[in-house]
Amino acid sequence: MTEKLSDTARDTVLAPLFESGWHMVEGRDAIHKTFEFADFTEAFSWMTRAALWAEKWDHHPEWSNVYKTVEVTLSTHDVGGLSSLDAKLARKLDTL
């Protein structure tokens, strides 16, 4: 079962994500990042690849797409905040 990140784990797990552009969402235990692409096709292709990983790991992002921009928010609703699944998916999204 997935658990909410402890304060110690947050320091270790989230610090590298903050360096790559992720940030905490004000008023929520969640992280957010804006991804910019060359055009709509590139953005949608990235979302398709991301969706395959999200489905495989049964952990789905909150996201929206407008033309070449994809806004992504990650939080584990089952635990009421951030878990290791969010960090794992954020790292994957950064590499796609």
PDB file of N, CA and C in Angstrom:
ATOM      1  N   MET A   1       0.831  -1.190   0.000  1.00  0.00           N
ATOM      2  CA  MET A   1       0.000   0.000   0.000  1.00  0.00           C
ATOM      3  C   MET A   1       0.877   1.255   0.000  1.00  0.00           C
ATOM      4  N   THR A   2       0.458   2.233  -0.723  1.00  0.00           N
ATOM      5  CA  THR A   2       1.177   3.494  -0.813  1.00  0.00           C
ATOM      6  C   THR A   2       0.900   4.340   0.421  1.00  0.00           C
ATOM      7  N   GLU A   3       1.954   5.025   0.888  1.00  0.00           N
ATOM      8  CA  GLU A   3       1.823   5.888   2.057  1.00  0.00           C
ATOM      9  C   GLU A   3       2.240   7.301   1.709  1.00  0.00           C
ATOM     10  N   LYS A   4       1.706   8.251   2.441  1.00  0.00           N
ATOM     11  CA  LYS A   4       2.082   9.649   2.283  1.00  0.00           C
ATOM     12  C   LYS A   4       3.558   9.807   2.640  1.00  0.00           C
ATOM     13  N   LEU A   5       4.274  10.646   1.901  1.00  0.00           N
ATOM     14  CA  LEU A   5       5.697  10.862   2.162  1.00  0.00           C
ATOM     15  C   LEU A   5       5.911  11.486   3.537  1.00  0.00           C
ATOM     16  N   SER A   6       6.884  10.951   4.259  1.00  0.00           N
ATOM     17  CA  SER A   6       7.269  11.536   5.549  1.00  0.00           C
ATOM     18  C   SER A   6       8.066  12.814   5.286  1.00  0.00           C
ATOM     19  N   ASP A   7       8.280  13.616   6.315  1.00  0.00           N
ATOM     20  CA  ASP A   7       9.071  14.844   6.161  1.00  0.00           C
ATOM     21  C   ASP A   7      10.485  14.530   5.688  1.00  0.00           C
ATOM     22  N   THR A   8      11.075  13.474   6.224  1.00  0.00           N
ATOM     23  CA  THR A   8      12.432  13.082   5.819  1.00  0.00           C
ATOM     24  C   THR A   8      12.458  12.642   4.365  1.00  0.00           C
ATOM     25  N   ALA A   9      11.506  11.831   3.978  1.00  0.00           N
ATOM     26  CA  ALA A   9      11.440  11.352   2.595  1.00  0.00           C
ATOM     27  C   ALA A   9      11.211  12.514   1.632  1.00  0.00           C
ATOM     28  N   ARG A  10      10.411  13.486   2.025  1.00  0.00           N
ATOM     29  CA  ARG A  10      10.157  14.648   1.168  1.00  0.00           C
ATOM     30  C   ARG A  10      11.453  15.352   0.811  1.00  0.00           C
ATOM     31  N   ASP A  11      12.303  15.576   1.815  1.00  0.00           N
ATOM     32  CA  ASP A  11      13.566  16.264   1.561  1.00  0.00           C
ATOM     33  C   ASP A  11      14.403  15.509   0.537  1.00  0.00           C
ATOM     34  N   THR A  12      14.448  14.214   0.657  1.00  0.00           N
ATOM     35  CA  THR A  12      15.263  13.384  -0.235  1.00  0.00           C
ATOM     36  C   THR A  12      14.647  13.229  -1.613  1.00  0.00           C
ATOM     37  N   VAL A  13      13.369  12.944  -1.652  1.00  0.00           N
ATOM     38  CA  VAL A  13      12.696  12.589  -2.904  1.00  0.00           C
ATOM     39  C   VAL A  13      12.311  13.814  -3.727  1.00  0.00           C
ATOM     40  N   LEU A  14      11.884  14.877  -3.074  1.00  0.00           N
ATOM     41  CA  LEU A  14      11.370  16.022  -3.817  1.00  0.00           C
ATOM     42  C   LEU A  14      12.442  17.013  -4.257  1.00  0.00           C
ATOM     43  N   ALA A  15      13.544  17.102  -3.533  1.00  0.00           N
ATOM     44  CA  ALA A  15      14.583  18.085  -3.874  1.00  0.00           C
ATOM     45  C   ALA A  15      15.036  18.006  -5.334  1.00  0.00           C
ATOM     46  N   PRO A  16      15.349  16.814  -5.868  1.00  0.00           N
ATOM     47  CA  PRO A  16      15.753  16.750  -7.277  1.00  0.00           C
ATOM     48  C   PRO A  16      14.645  17.195  -8.239  1.00  0.00           C
ATOM     49  N   LEU A  17      13.397  16.961  -7.859  1.00  0.00           N
ATOM     50  CA  LEU A  17      12.277  17.372  -8.713  1.00  0.00           C
ATOM     51  C   LEU A  17      12.161  18.896  -8.748  1.00  0.00           C
ATOM     52  N   PHE A  18      12.386  19.547  -7.616  1.00  0.00           N
ATOM     53  CA  PHE A  18      12.330  21.010  -7.568  1.00  0.00           C
ATOM     54  C   PHE A  18      13.419  21.604  -8.448  1.00  0.00           C
ATOM     55  N   GLU A  19      14.556  20.932  -8.517  1.00  0.00           N
ATOM     56  CA  GLU A  19      15.653  21.403  -9.373  1.00  0.00           C
ATOM     57  C   GLU A  19      15.303  21.286 -10.854  1.00  0.00           C
ATOM     58  N   SER A  20      14.378  20.389 -11.206  1.00  0.00           N
ATOM     59  CA  SER A  20      14.006  20.212 -12.611  1.00  0.00           C
ATOM     60  C   SER A  20      12.714  20.950 -12.980  1.00  0.00           C
ATOM     61  N   GLY A  21      12.263  21.854 -12.105  1.00  0.00           N
ATOM     62  CA  GLY A  21      11.124  22.691 -12.457  1.00  0.00           C
ATOM     63  C   GLY A  21       9.802  22.385 -11.783  1.00  0.00           C
ATOM     64  N   TRP A  22       9.730  21.315 -11.018  1.00  0.00           N
ATOM     65  CA  TRP A  22       8.511  21.024 -10.264  1.00  0.00           C
ATOM     66  C   TRP A  22       8.444  21.973  -9.078  1.00  0.00           C
ATOM     67  N   HIS A  23       7.246  22.300  -8.627  1.00  0.00           N
ATOM     68  CA  HIS A  23       7.090  23.122  -7.432  1.00  0.00           C
ATOM     69  C   HIS A  23       5.836  22.684  -6.666  1.00  0.00           C
ATOM     70  N   MET A  24       5.794  23.036  -5.402  1.00  0.00           N
ATOM     71  CA  MET A  24       4.637  22.717  -4.570  1.00  0.00           C
ATOM     72  C   MET A  24       3.450  23.571  -4.999  1.00  0.00           C
ATOM     73  N   VAL A  25       2.269  22.990  -4.904  1.00  0.00           N
ATOM     74  CA  VAL A  25       1.033  23.703  -5.208  1.00  0.00           C
ATOM     75  C   VAL A  25       0.565  24.383  -3.927  1.00  0.00           C
ATOM     76  N   GLU A  26       0.308  25.676  -4.008  1.00  0.00           N
ATOM     77  CA  GLU A  26      -0.135  26.412  -2.837  1.00  0.00           C
ATOM     78  C   GLU A  26      -1.491  25.888  -2.357  1.00  0.00           C
ATOM     79  N   GLY A  27      -1.582  25.587  -1.065  1.00  0.00           N
ATOM     80  CA  GLY A  27      -2.836  25.141  -0.469  1.00  0.00           C
ATOM     81  C   GLY A  27      -3.147  23.664  -0.642  1.00  0.00           C
ATOM     82  N   ARG A  28      -2.208  22.915  -1.245  1.00  0.00           N
ATOM     83  CA  ARG A  28      -2.407  21.471  -1.465  1.00  0.00           C
ATOM     84  C   ARG A  28      -1.100  20.743  -1.241  1.00  0.00           C
ATOM     85  N   ASP A  29      -1.200  19.484  -0.890  1.00  0.00           N
ATOM     86  CA  ASP A  29      -0.010  18.638  -0.810  1.00  0.00           C
ATOM     87  C   ASP A  29       0.158  17.978  -2.176  1.00  0.00           C
ATOM     88  N   ALA A  30       0.662  18.762  -3.134  1.00  0.00           N
ATOM     89  CA  ALA A  30       0.787  18.331  -4.524  1.00  0.00           C
ATOM     90  C   ALA A  30       1.942  19.077  -5.170  1.00  0.00           C
ATOM     91  N   ILE A  31       2.451  18.519  -6.263  1.00  0.00           N
ATOM     92  CA  ILE A  31       3.491  19.181  -7.048  1.00  0.00           C
ATOM     93  C   ILE A  31       2.959  19.471  -8.445  1.00  0.00           C
ATOM     94  N   HIS A  32       3.531  20.490  -9.074  1.00  0.00           N
ATOM     95  CA  HIS A  32       3.050  20.950 -10.382  1.00  0.00           C
ATOM     96  C   HIS A  32       4.240  21.318 -11.271  1.00  0.00           C
ATOM     97  N   LYS A  33       4.046  21.101 -12.570  1.00  0.00           N
ATOM     98  CA  LYS A  33       5.045  21.535 -13.543  1.00  0.00           C
ATOM     99  C   LYS A  33       4.344  21.842 -14.860  1.00  0.00           C
ATOM    100  N   THR A  34       4.862  22.840 -15.560  1.00  0.00           N
ATOM    101  CA  THR A  34       4.392  23.193 -16.895  1.00  0.00           C
ATOM    102  C   THR A  34       5.403  22.677 -17.909  1.00  0.00           C
ATOM    103  N   PHE A  35       4.921  21.906 -18.860  1.00  0.00           N
ATOM    104  CA  PHE A  35       5.760  21.384 -19.937  1.00  0.00           C
ATOM    105  C   PHE A  35       5.410  22.134 -21.218  1.00  0.00           C
ATOM    106  N   GLU A  36       6.428  22.629 -21.915  1.00  0.00           N
ATOM    107  CA  GLU A  36       6.243  23.349 -23.183  1.00  0.00           C
ATOM    108  C   GLU A  36       6.862  22.536 -24.307  1.00  0.00           C
ATOM    109  N   PHE A  37       6.150  22.457 -25.432  1.00  0.00           N
ATOM    110  CA  PHE A  37       6.612  21.692 -26.584  1.00  0.00           C
ATOM    111  C   PHE A  37       6.624  22.577 -27.824  1.00  0.00           C
ATOM    112  N   ALA A  38       7.139  22.060 -28.909  1.00  0.00           N
ATOM    113  CA  ALA A  38       7.235  22.828 -30.151  1.00  0.00           C
ATOM    114  C   ALA A  38       5.865  23.131 -30.741  1.00  0.00           C
ATOM    115  N   ASP A  39       4.941  22.186 -30.610  1.00  0.00           N
ATOM    116  CA  ASP A  39       3.613  22.355 -31.197  1.00  0.00           C
ATOM    117  C   ASP A  39       2.643  21.378 -30.543  1.00  0.00           C
ATOM    118  N   PHE A  40       1.399  21.410 -30.987  1.00  0.00           N
ATOM    119  CA  PHE A  40       0.358  20.562 -30.413  1.00  0.00           C
ATOM    120  C   PHE A  40       0.667  19.077 -30.592  1.00  0.00           C
ATOM    121  N   THR A  41       1.158  18.697 -31.767  1.00  0.00           N
ATOM    122  CA  THR A  41       1.431  17.291 -32.034  1.00  0.00           C
ATOM    123  C   THR A  41       2.480  16.745 -31.071  1.00  0.00           C
ATOM    124  N   GLU A  42       3.522  17.514 -30.823  1.00  0.00           N
ATOM    125  CA  GLU A  42       4.559  17.074 -29.888  1.00  0.00           C
ATOM    126  C   GLU A  42       3.998  16.967 -28.467  1.00  0.00           C
ATOM    127  N   ALA A  43       3.181  17.936 -28.067  1.00  0.00           N
ATOM    128  CA  ALA A  43       2.574  17.904 -26.725  1.00  0.00           C
ATOM    129  C   ALA A  43       1.664  16.695 -26.569  1.00  0.00           C
ATOM    130  N   PHE A  44       0.837  16.448 -27.566  1.00  0.00           N
ATOM    131  CA  PHE A  44      -0.101  15.334 -27.484  1.00  0.00           C
ATOM    132  C   PHE A  44       0.624  13.990 -27.538  1.00  0.00           C
ATOM    133  N   SER A  45       1.683  13.902 -28.314  1.00  0.00           N
ATOM    134  CA  SER A  45       2.481  12.669 -28.362  1.00  0.00           C
ATOM    135  C   SER A  45       3.095  12.383 -26.998  1.00  0.00           C
ATOM    136  N   TRP A  46       3.602  13.425 -26.353  1.00  0.00           N
ATOM    137  CA  TRP A  46       4.176  13.269 -25.015  1.00  0.00           C
ATOM    138  C   TRP A  46       3.102  12.802 -24.029  1.00  0.00           C
ATOM    139  N   MET A  47       1.916  13.384 -24.114  1.00  0.00           N
ATOM    140  CA  MET A  47       0.826  12.991 -23.218  1.00  0.00           C
ATOM    141  C   MET A  47       0.444  11.528 -23.438  1.00  0.00           C
ATOM    142  N   THR A  48       0.481  11.089 -24.678  1.00  0.00           N
ATOM    143  CA  THR A  48       0.157   9.689 -24.972  1.00  0.00           C
ATOM    144  C   THR A  48       1.178   8.760 -24.331  1.00  0.00           C
ATOM    145  N   ARG A  49       2.461   9.093 -24.473  1.00  0.00           N
ATOM    146  CA  ARG A  49       3.503   8.266 -23.833  1.00  0.00           C
ATOM    147  C   ARG A  49       3.351   8.295 -22.312  1.00  0.00           C
ATOM    148  N   ALA A  50       3.066   9.468 -21.762  1.00  0.00           N
ATOM    149  CA  ALA A  50       2.879   9.604 -20.318  1.00  0.00           C
ATOM    150  C   ALA A  50       1.680   8.788 -19.840  1.00  0.00           C
ATOM    151  N   ALA A  51       0.619   8.790 -20.624  1.00  0.00           N
ATOM    152  CA  ALA A  51      -0.593   8.050 -20.252  1.00  0.00           C
ATOM    153  C   ALA A  51      -0.333   6.554 -20.143  1.00  0.00           C
ATOM    154  N   LEU A  52       0.516   6.034 -21.011  1.00  0.00           N
ATOM    155  CA  LEU A  52       0.849   4.603 -20.947  1.00  0.00           C
ATOM    156  C   LEU A  52       1.539   4.254 -19.635  1.00  0.00           C
ATOM    157  N   TRP A  53       2.470   5.109 -19.193  1.00  0.00           N
ATOM    158  CA  TRP A  53       3.143   4.873 -17.912  1.00  0.00           C
ATOM    159  C   TRP A  53       2.180   5.044 -16.744  1.00  0.00           C
ATOM    160  N   ALA A  54       1.342   6.066 -16.810  1.00  0.00           N
ATOM    161  CA  ALA A  54       0.375   6.306 -15.738  1.00  0.00           C
ATOM    162  C   ALA A  54      -0.570   5.116 -15.589  1.00  0.00           C
ATOM    163  N   GLU A  55      -1.005   4.576 -16.699  1.00  0.00           N
ATOM    164  CA  GLU A  55      -1.907   3.423 -16.652  1.00  0.00           C
ATOM    165  C   GLU A  55      -1.173   2.183 -16.128  1.00  0.00           C
ATOM    166  N   LYS A  56       0.055   1.994 -16.588  1.00  0.00           N
ATOM    167  CA  LYS A  56       0.848   0.844 -16.139  1.00  0.00           C
ATOM    168  C   LYS A  56       1.037   0.873 -14.624  1.00  0.00           C
ATOM    169  N   TRP A  57       1.276   2.058 -14.077  1.00  0.00           N
ATOM    170  CA  TRP A  57       1.517   2.198 -12.642  1.00  0.00           C
ATOM    171  C   TRP A  57       0.233   2.496 -11.858  1.00  0.00           C
ATOM    172  N   ASP A  58      -0.911   2.568 -12.557  1.00  0.00           N
ATOM    173  CA  ASP A  58      -2.194   2.882 -11.932  1.00  0.00           C
ATOM    174  C   ASP A  58      -2.095   4.143 -11.072  1.00  0.00           C
ATOM    175  N   HIS A  59      -1.463   5.158 -11.646  1.00  0.00           N
ATOM    176  CA  HIS A  59      -1.308   6.442 -10.956  1.00  0.00           C
ATOM    177  C   HIS A  59      -1.448   7.539 -12.005  1.00  0.00           C
ATOM    178  N   HIS A  60      -2.551   8.245 -11.975  1.00  0.00           N
ATOM    179  CA  HIS A  60      -2.917   9.141 -13.061  1.00  0.00           C
ATOM    180  C   HIS A  60      -2.786  10.606 -12.661  1.00  0.00           C
ATOM    181  N   PRO A  61      -2.187  11.401 -13.540  1.00  0.00           N
ATOM    182  CA  PRO A  61      -1.988  12.820 -13.228  1.00  0.00           C
ATOM    183  C   PRO A  61      -3.259  13.630 -13.432  1.00  0.00           C
ATOM    184  N   GLU A  62      -3.290  14.781 -12.803  1.00  0.00           N
ATOM    185  CA  GLU A  62      -4.256  15.821 -13.146  1.00  0.00           C
ATOM    186  C   GLU A  62      -3.522  16.650 -14.191  1.00  0.00           C
ATOM    187  N   TRP A  63      -4.096  16.787 -15.368  1.00  0.00           N
ATOM    188  CA  TRP A  63      -3.394  17.558 -16.388  1.00  0.00           C
ATOM    189  C   TRP A  63      -4.352  18.222 -17.350  1.00  0.00           C
ATOM    190  N   SER A  64      -3.823  19.227 -18.029  1.00  0.00           N
ATOM    191  CA  SER A  64      -4.579  19.899 -19.073  1.00  0.00           C
ATOM    192  C   SER A  64      -3.616  20.286 -20.183  1.00  0.00           C
ATOM    193  N   ASN A  65      -4.149  20.382 -21.367  1.00  0.00           N
ATOM    194  CA  ASN A  65      -3.352  20.696 -22.552  1.00  0.00           C
ATOM    195  C   ASN A  65      -4.016  21.825 -23.314  1.00  0.00           C
ATOM    196  N   VAL A  66      -3.257  22.876 -23.594  1.00  0.00           N
ATOM    197  CA  VAL A  66      -3.694  23.943 -24.480  1.00  0.00           C
ATOM    198  C   VAL A  66      -2.577  24.142 -25.490  1.00  0.00           C
ATOM    199  N   TYR A  67      -2.863  23.785 -26.724  1.00  0.00           N
ATOM    200  CA  TYR A  67      -1.941  23.848 -27.848  1.00  0.00           C
ATOM    201  C   TYR A  67      -0.626  23.147 -27.511  1.00  0.00           C
ATOM    202  N   LYS A  68       0.446  23.875 -27.244  1.00  0.00           N
ATOM    203  CA  LYS A  68       1.748  23.244 -27.025  1.00  0.00           C
ATOM    204  C   LYS A  68       2.162  23.197 -25.552  1.00  0.00           C
ATOM    205  N   THR A  69       1.237  23.505 -24.661  1.00  0.00           N
ATOM    206  CA  THR A  69       1.528  23.549 -23.230  1.00  0.00           C
ATOM    207  C   THR A  69       0.730  22.476 -22.500  1.00  0.00           C
ATOM    208  N   VAL A  70       1.415  21.738 -21.619  1.00  0.00           N
ATOM    209  CA  VAL A  70       0.751  20.735 -20.782  1.00  0.00           C
ATOM    210  C   VAL A  70       1.032  21.092 -19.328  1.00  0.00           C
ATOM    211  N   GLU A  71      -0.022  21.298 -18.562  1.00  0.00           N
ATOM    212  CA  GLU A  71       0.067  21.567 -17.123  1.00  0.00           C
ATOM    213  C   GLU A  71      -0.186  20.255 -16.390  1.00  0.00           C
ATOM    214  N   VAL A  72       0.723  19.883 -15.484  1.00  0.00           N
ATOM    215  CA  VAL A  72       0.610  18.612 -14.763  1.00  0.00           C
ATOM    216  C   VAL A  72       0.659  18.860 -13.256  1.00  0.00           C
ATOM    217  N   THR A  73      -0.295  18.277 -12.535  1.00  0.00           N
ATOM    218  CA  THR A  73      -0.298  18.289 -11.076  1.00  0.00           C
ATOM    219  C   THR A  73      -0.345  16.843 -10.608  1.00  0.00           C
ATOM    220  N   LEU A  74       0.512  16.532  -9.646  1.00  0.00           N
ATOM    221  CA  LEU A  74       0.576  15.180  -9.101  1.00  0.00           C
ATOM    222  C   LEU A  74       0.300  15.192  -7.606  1.00  0.00           C
ATOM    223  N   SER A  75      -0.547  14.281  -7.171  1.00  0.00           N
ATOM    224  CA  SER A  75      -0.857  14.044  -5.769  1.00  0.00           C
ATOM    225  C   SER A  75      -1.539  12.685  -5.708  1.00  0.00           C
ATOM    226  N   THR A  76      -1.359  11.982  -4.619  1.00  0.00           N
ATOM    227  CA  THR A  76      -1.976  10.669  -4.467  1.00  0.00           C
ATOM    228  C   THR A  76      -3.244  10.833  -3.638  1.00  0.00           C
ATOM    229  N   HIS A  77      -4.372  10.792  -4.301  1.00  0.00           N
ATOM    230  CA  HIS A  77      -5.644  11.061  -3.638  1.00  0.00           C
ATOM    231  C   HIS A  77      -5.953  10.040  -2.550  1.00  0.00           C
ATOM    232  N   ASP A  78      -5.523   8.792  -2.741  1.00  0.00           N
ATOM    233  CA  ASP A  78      -5.785   7.743  -1.751  1.00  0.00           C
ATOM    234  C   ASP A  78      -5.144   8.033  -0.398  1.00  0.00           C
ATOM    235  N   VAL A  79      -4.025   8.775  -0.388  1.00  0.00           N
ATOM    236  CA  VAL A  79      -3.342   9.063   0.878  1.00  0.00           C
ATOM    237  C   VAL A  79      -3.496  10.518   1.295  1.00  0.00           C
ATOM    238  N   GLY A  80      -4.164  11.307   0.473  1.00  0.00           N
ATOM    239  CA  GLY A  80      -4.397  12.702   0.817  1.00  0.00           C
ATOM    240  C   GLY A  80      -3.184  13.587   0.676  1.00  0.00           C
ATOM    241  N   GLY A  81      -2.297  13.245  -0.248  1.00  0.00           N
ATOM    242  CA  GLY A  81      -1.107  14.073  -0.456  1.00  0.00           C
ATOM    243  C   GLY A  81      -0.068  13.350  -1.281  1.00  0.00           C
ATOM    244  N   LEU A  82       1.157  13.809  -1.171  1.00  0.00           N
ATOM    245  CA  LEU A  82       2.248  13.265  -1.972  1.00  0.00           C
ATOM    246  C   LEU A  82       2.733  11.917  -1.461  1.00  0.00           C
ATOM    247  N   SER A  83       2.996  11.027  -2.422  1.00  0.00           N
ATOM    248  CA  SER A  83       3.551   9.709  -2.102  1.00  0.00           C
ATOM    249  C   SER A  83       4.721   9.441  -3.039  1.00  0.00           C
ATOM    250  N   SER A  84       5.362   8.312  -2.848  1.00  0.00           N
ATOM    251  CA  SER A  84       6.474   7.930  -3.723  1.00  0.00           C
ATOM    252  C   SER A  84       6.014   7.756  -5.166  1.00  0.00           C
ATOM    253  N   LEU A  85       4.739   7.420  -5.376  1.00  0.00           N
ATOM    254  CA  LEU A  85       4.208   7.295  -6.733  1.00  0.00           C
ATOM    255  C   LEU A  85       4.273   8.617  -7.486  1.00  0.00           C
ATOM    256  N   ASP A  86       4.046   9.718  -6.790  1.00  0.00           N
ATOM    257  CA  ASP A  86       4.107  11.034  -7.437  1.00  0.00           C
ATOM    258  C   ASP A  86       5.530  11.351  -7.880  1.00  0.00           C
ATOM    259  N   ALA A  87       6.484  11.065  -7.016  1.00  0.00           N
ATOM    260  CA  ALA A  87       7.881  11.303  -7.366  1.00  0.00           C
ATOM    261  C   ALA A  87       8.302  10.411  -8.531  1.00  0.00           C
ATOM    262  N   LYS A  88       7.881   9.168  -8.505  1.00  0.00           N
ATOM    263  CA  LYS A  88       8.207   8.217  -9.574  1.00  0.00           C
ATOM    264  C   LYS A  88       7.641   8.689 -10.911  1.00  0.00           C
ATOM    265  N   LEU A  89       6.369   9.112 -10.908  1.00  0.00           N
ATOM    266  CA  LEU A  89       5.754   9.566 -12.149  1.00  0.00           C
ATOM    267  C   LEU A  89       6.373  10.895 -12.611  1.00  0.00           C
ATOM    268  N   ALA A  90       6.692  11.779 -11.693  1.00  0.00           N
ATOM    269  CA  ALA A  90       7.329  13.055 -12.060  1.00  0.00           C
ATOM    270  C   ALA A  90       8.681  12.796 -12.742  1.00  0.00           C
ATOM    271  N   ARG A  91       9.471  11.896 -12.188  1.00  0.00           N
ATOM    272  CA  ARG A  91      10.762  11.562 -12.802  1.00  0.00           C
ATOM    273  C   ARG A  91      10.551  11.005 -14.201  1.00  0.00           C
ATOM    274  N   LYS A  92       9.566  10.139 -14.376  1.00  0.00           N
ATOM    275  CA  LYS A  92       9.293   9.557 -15.694  1.00  0.00           C
ATOM    276  C   LYS A  92       8.863  10.645 -16.684  1.00  0.00           C
ATOM    277  N   LEU A  93       7.983  11.535 -16.245  1.00  0.00           N
ATOM    278  CA  LEU A  93       7.523  12.605 -17.126  1.00  0.00           C
ATOM    279  C   LEU A  93       8.691  13.492 -17.578  1.00  0.00           C
ATOM    280  N   ASP A  94       9.628  13.715 -16.683  1.00  0.00           N
ATOM    281  CA  ASP A  94      10.805  14.516 -17.039  1.00  0.00           C
ATOM    282  C   ASP A  94      11.679  13.841 -18.085  1.00  0.00           C
ATOM    283  N   THR A  95      11.646  12.518 -18.150  1.00  0.00           N
ATOM    284  CA  THR A  95      12.518  11.810 -19.097  1.00  0.00           C
ATOM    285  C   THR A  95      11.859  11.515 -20.434  1.00  0.00           C
ATOM    286  N   LEU A  96      10.545  11.668 -20.527  1.00  0.00           N
ATOM    287  CA  LEU A  96       9.865  11.337 -21.787  1.00  0.00           C
ATOM    288  C   LEU A  96      10.162  12.367 -22.868  1.00  0.00           C
TER     289      LEU A  96
END
